C-alpha atoms as a PDB file:
ATOM      1  CA  MET A   1       8.271  26.812  49.945  1.00  0.00           C
ATOM      2  CA  ARG A   2       5.879  23.983  50.398  1.00  0.00           C
ATOM      3  CA  ALA A   3       3.937  23.588  53.600  1.00  0.00           C
ATOM      4  CA  PRO A   4       4.548  20.382  55.520  1.00  0.00           C
ATOM      5  CA  PRO A   5       1.882  17.721  54.940  1.00  0.00           C
ATOM      6  CA  GLN A   6      -0.918  17.694  57.493  1.00  0.00           C
ATOM      7  CA  ARG A   7      -1.496  14.571  59.498  1.00  0.00           C
ATOM      8  CA  SER A   8      -4.891  12.955  59.327  1.00  0.00           C
ATOM      9  CA  ARG A   9      -7.126  12.864  62.385  1.00  0.00           C
ATOM     10  CA  ARG A  10      -7.075   9.076  62.251  1.00  0.00           C
ATOM     11  CA  SER A  11      -3.350   8.877  62.815  1.00  0.00           C
ATOM     12  CA  THR A  12      -3.663  11.478  65.597  1.00  0.00           C
ATOM     13  CA  SER A  13      -6.163   9.282  67.454  1.00  0.00           C
ATOM     14  CA  PHE A  14      -3.908   6.259  67.179  1.00  0.00           C
ATOM     15  CA  GLN A  15      -0.870   8.281  68.160  1.00  0.00           C
ATOM     16  CA  SER A  16      -2.588   9.546  71.303  1.00  0.00           C
ATOM     17  CA  ILE A  17      -3.489   5.972  72.259  1.00  0.00           C
ATOM     18  CA  ALA A  18       0.102   4.866  71.686  1.00  0.00           C
ATOM     19  CA  ALA A  19       1.502   7.827  73.594  1.00  0.00           C
ATOM     20  CA  SER A  20      -0.639   7.100  76.642  1.00  0.00           C
ATOM     21  CA  LYS A  21       0.478   3.429  76.614  1.00  0.00           C
ATOM     22  CA  ASN A  22      -2.935   2.634  77.971  1.00  0.00           C
ATOM     23  CA  THR A  23      -5.663   0.750  76.167  1.00  0.00           C
ATOM     24  CA  SER A  24      -8.465   1.297  78.647  1.00  0.00           C
ATOM     25  CA  LEU A  25     -11.914   2.129  77.376  1.00  0.00           C
ATOM     26  CA  ALA A  26     -11.521   5.764  78.428  1.00  0.00           C
ATOM     27  CA  VAL A  27      -8.522   6.129  76.114  1.00  0.00           C
ATOM     28  CA  VAL A  28      -9.814   4.071  73.177  1.00  0.00           C
ATOM     29  CA  ALA A  29     -13.471   5.213  73.190  1.00  0.00           C
ATOM     30  CA  PRO A  30     -12.947   8.706  71.688  1.00  0.00           C
ATOM     31  CA  GLY A  31     -11.063   7.231  68.720  1.00  0.00           C
ATOM     32  CA  ILE A  32     -13.749   4.602  68.201  1.00  0.00           C
ATOM     33  CA  ALA A  33     -16.486   7.227  68.439  1.00  0.00           C
ATOM     34  CA  GLU A  34     -14.701   9.390  65.882  1.00  0.00           C
ATOM     35  CA  ALA A  35     -14.339   6.438  63.501  1.00  0.00           C
ATOM     36  CA  LEU A  36     -18.028   5.495  63.887  1.00  0.00           C
ATOM     37  CA  PHE A  37     -19.085   9.089  63.241  1.00  0.00           C
ATOM     38  CA  ALA A  38     -16.922   9.252  60.102  1.00  0.00           C
ATOM     39  CA  THR A  39     -18.400   5.936  58.936  1.00  0.00           C
ATOM     40  CA  ALA A  40     -21.945   7.202  59.512  1.00  0.00           C
ATOM     41  CA  LEU A  41     -21.212  10.365  57.514  1.00  0.00           C
ATOM     42  CA  GLY A  42     -19.766   8.258  54.721  1.00  0.00           C
ATOM     43  CA  LEU A  43     -22.907   6.108  54.628  1.00  0.00           C
ATOM     44  CA  VAL A  44     -25.139   9.195  54.618  1.00  0.00           C
ATOM     45  CA  ALA A  45     -23.325  10.303  51.466  1.00  0.00           C
ATOM     46  CA  ALA A  46     -22.884   6.888  49.828  1.00  0.00           C
ATOM     47  CA  ILE A  47     -26.396   5.457  50.126  1.00  0.00           C
ATOM     48  CA  PRO A  48     -28.273   8.290  48.326  1.00  0.00           C
ATOM     49  CA  ALA A  49     -25.471   8.491  45.759  1.00  0.00           C
ATOM     50  CA  THR A  50     -25.867   4.781  45.017  1.00  0.00           C
ATOM     51  CA  ILE A  51     -29.648   5.103  44.718  1.00  0.00           C
ATOM     52  CA  PHE A  52     -29.401   8.027  42.279  1.00  0.00           C
ATOM     53  CA  TYR A  53     -26.622   6.294  40.325  1.00  0.00           C
ATOM     54  CA  ASN A  54     -28.786   3.199  39.886  1.00  0.00           C
ATOM     55  CA  LYS A  55     -31.753   5.328  38.765  1.00  0.00           C
ATOM     56  CA  PHE A  56     -29.516   7.198  36.323  1.00  0.00           C
ATOM     57  CA  ILE A  57     -28.063   4.000  34.854  1.00  0.00           C
ATOM     58  CA  SER A  58     -31.561   2.542  34.518  1.00  0.00           C
ATOM     59  CA  GLU A  59     -32.689   5.624  32.572  1.00  0.00           C
ATOM     60  CA  VAL A  60     -29.567   5.526  30.372  1.00  0.00           C
ATOM     61  CA  ASN A  61     -30.204   1.864  29.560  1.00  0.00           C
ATOM     62  CA  ARG A  62     -33.856   2.599  28.765  1.00  0.00           C
ATOM     63  CA  GLN A  63     -32.859   5.414  26.406  1.00  0.00           C
ATOM     64  CA  ALA A  64     -30.212   3.191  24.784  1.00  0.00           C
ATOM     65  CA  GLN A  65     -32.859   0.545  24.099  1.00  0.00           C
ATOM     66  CA  ARG A  66     -35.158   3.178  22.567  1.00  0.00           C
ATOM     67  CA  MET A  67     -32.337   4.452  20.353  1.00  0.00           C
ATOM     68  CA  GLU A  68     -31.445   0.930  19.295  1.00  0.00           C
ATOM     69  CA  GLY A  69     -35.075   0.272  18.366  1.00  0.00           C
ATOM     70  CA  PHE A  70     -35.169   3.516  16.400  1.00  0.00           C
ATOM     71  CA  ALA A  71     -31.926   2.628  14.590  1.00  0.00           C
ATOM     72  CA  ASP A  72     -33.284  -0.810  13.654  1.00  0.00           C
ATOM     73  CA  GLU A  73     -36.554   0.694  12.407  1.00  0.00           C
ATOM     74  CA  PHE A  74     -34.732   3.444  10.493  1.00  0.00           C
ATOM     75  CA  ALA A  75     -32.383   0.909   8.880  1.00  0.00           C
ATOM     76  CA  ALA A  76     -35.381  -1.184   7.812  1.00  0.00           C
ATOM     77  CA  ILE A  77     -37.077   1.862   6.246  1.00  0.00           C
ATOM     78  CA  LEU A  78     -33.897   2.810   4.377  1.00  0.00           C
ATOM     79  CA  SER A  79     -33.443  -0.751   3.211  1.00  0.00           C
ATOM     80  CA  ARG A  80     -37.017  -0.846   1.851  1.00  0.00           C
ATOM     81  CA  GLN A  81     -36.552   2.469   0.049  1.00  0.00           C
ATOM     82  CA  ILE A  82     -33.284   1.306  -1.514  1.00  0.00           C
ATOM     83  CA  ASP A  83     -34.943  -1.969  -2.602  1.00  0.00           C
ATOM     84  CA  GLU A  84     -37.849  -0.028  -4.175  1.00  0.00           C
ATOM     85  CA  ARG A  85     -35.449   2.082  -6.264  1.00  0.00           C
ATOM     86  CA  THR A  86     -33.558  -0.882  -7.656  1.00  0.00           C
END
């Protein structure tokens, strides 16, 4: 048997606001605080990940340029050797 799906905390916050039928700051503030905290945690994870991704991509592009230069140089050497033999 499968377990019933769990409800997210976000829907629980909104459901508690709807159940109270009150939109005063005392009722809405905990949900807002929870959302801001989740956003802050997301940014703490996303910002360093973006920085390291950009550094990684920069290094990959640099290596690709080096390999392309090597391939061009190698092709030129092979071409010269083939021309010398003919």
